[in-house]
Protein backbone atom coordinates (compact mmCIF):
# COMPACT_ATOMS: atom_id res chain seq x y z
CA MET A 1 72.05 62.89 77.24
CA ILE A 2 70.04 60.00 77.36
CA ILE A 3 69.96 56.99 75.51
CA ARG A 4 68.12 53.77 75.40
CA VAL A 5 70.72 50.60 75.08
CA ARG A 6 69.78 46.99 74.01
CA VAL A 7 73.03 45.03 75.67
CA ILE A 8 74.03 41.83 73.68
CA PRO A 9 76.70 39.94 76.22
CA ASN A 10 79.36 37.59 75.25
CA ALA A 11 80.61 38.87 72.06
CA VAL A 12 83.71 38.95 70.30
CA ARG A 13 84.51 42.32 70.99
CA SER A 14 82.78 45.21 71.86
CA GLU A 15 80.97 47.32 69.35
CA VAL A 16 77.92 49.08 68.37
CA VAL A 17 75.91 47.29 66.64
CA GLY A 18 73.05 49.83 65.27
CA ARG A 19 70.15 51.40 66.24
CA ILE A 20 66.29 50.41 66.55
CA GLY A 21 64.53 53.46 66.59
CA SER A 22 65.79 55.47 69.50
CA THR A 23 67.59 51.96 71.11
CA VAL A 24 71.15 51.61 70.63
CA ARG A 25 72.40 48.22 70.15
CA VAL A 26 75.90 47.39 71.66
CA LYS A 27 77.83 43.89 71.74
CA VAL A 28 80.08 43.62 74.50
CA ALA A 29 83.15 41.50 75.22
CA ALA A 30 81.82 40.47 78.49
CA PRO A 31 79.59 38.00 80.27
CA ALA A 32 76.32 39.13 81.94
CA ILE A 33 77.87 37.84 85.32
CA ASP A 34 78.58 39.72 88.32
CA GLY A 35 78.36 43.62 86.52
CA LYS A 36 81.29 42.67 83.99
CA ALA A 37 79.12 43.44 81.04
CA ASN A 38 77.65 47.07 82.76
CA ALA A 39 81.18 47.82 83.41
CA GLU A 40 82.44 46.72 80.04
CA LEU A 41 79.47 48.87 78.24
CA THR A 42 80.28 51.80 80.38
CA ASN A 43 83.89 51.87 79.37
CA PHE A 44 83.18 51.25 75.81
CA LEU A 45 80.35 54.00 75.41
CA ALA A 46 83.07 56.42 77.30
CA GLU A 47 85.35 55.33 74.86
CA PHE A 48 82.74 55.83 71.97
CA PHE A 49 81.79 58.83 73.16
CA GLU A 50 84.97 60.39 73.68
CA VAL A 51 83.75 61.04 77.36
CA LYS A 52 85.49 60.06 80.85
CA ASN A 53 84.03 56.78 82.19
CA ARG A 54 82.64 58.50 85.57
CA SER A 55 80.56 60.47 82.61
CA VAL A 56 78.56 57.34 81.67
CA LYS A 57 75.89 56.42 84.17
CA ILE A 58 73.34 53.36 83.92
CA VAL A 59 70.38 54.91 84.96
CA ARG A 60 67.93 51.94 84.78
CA GLY A 61 67.98 48.43 83.86
CA GLU A 62 71.08 47.34 85.60
CA LYS A 63 69.99 43.32 85.54
CA GLY A 64 68.74 43.58 82.32
CA LYS A 65 69.60 43.73 78.31
CA GLU A 66 67.43 47.16 78.20
CA LYS A 67 69.15 50.03 79.58
CA THR A 68 68.93 53.69 80.02
CA VAL A 69 72.20 55.41 80.04
CA GLU A 70 73.00 59.12 80.64
CA ILE A 71 75.91 60.54 79.37
CA SER A 72 77.03 64.01 80.08
CA GLY A 73 80.81 65.25 79.76
CA ARG A 74 80.27 67.11 76.33
CA THR A 75 77.52 69.29 74.63
CA GLU A 76 74.29 67.74 73.93
CA GLU A 77 75.14 68.74 70.28
CA GLU A 78 78.42 67.08 70.06
CA LEU A 79 76.73 64.03 71.88
CA GLU A 80 73.97 64.12 68.90
CA ASP A 81 76.66 64.43 66.22
CA VAL A 82 77.97 61.01 67.50
CA MET A 83 74.92 59.29 67.85
CA GLU A 84 74.19 60.32 64.08
CA THR A 85 77.21 58.05 62.88
CA ILE A 86 75.06 55.21 64.20
CA PRO A 87 73.72 53.59 61.07
């Protein structure tokens, strides 16, 4: 599954804030320096979608706040069920 993510770095804790259309807003508890926010984002999304860390890849937007992320490791149906829980 491919999702669009808007990252908000330097948060107190990592959490999904919500959705705006098809873009998921995620706060990450890491600064946007030396790839720390990207690493925290992939770790958090792996935990959120209950997949292994290697199943989450940033496809586009490594240096920006808007990212395209590919998530694998579960069926498309299971991943969509998780997406439906996001307000």
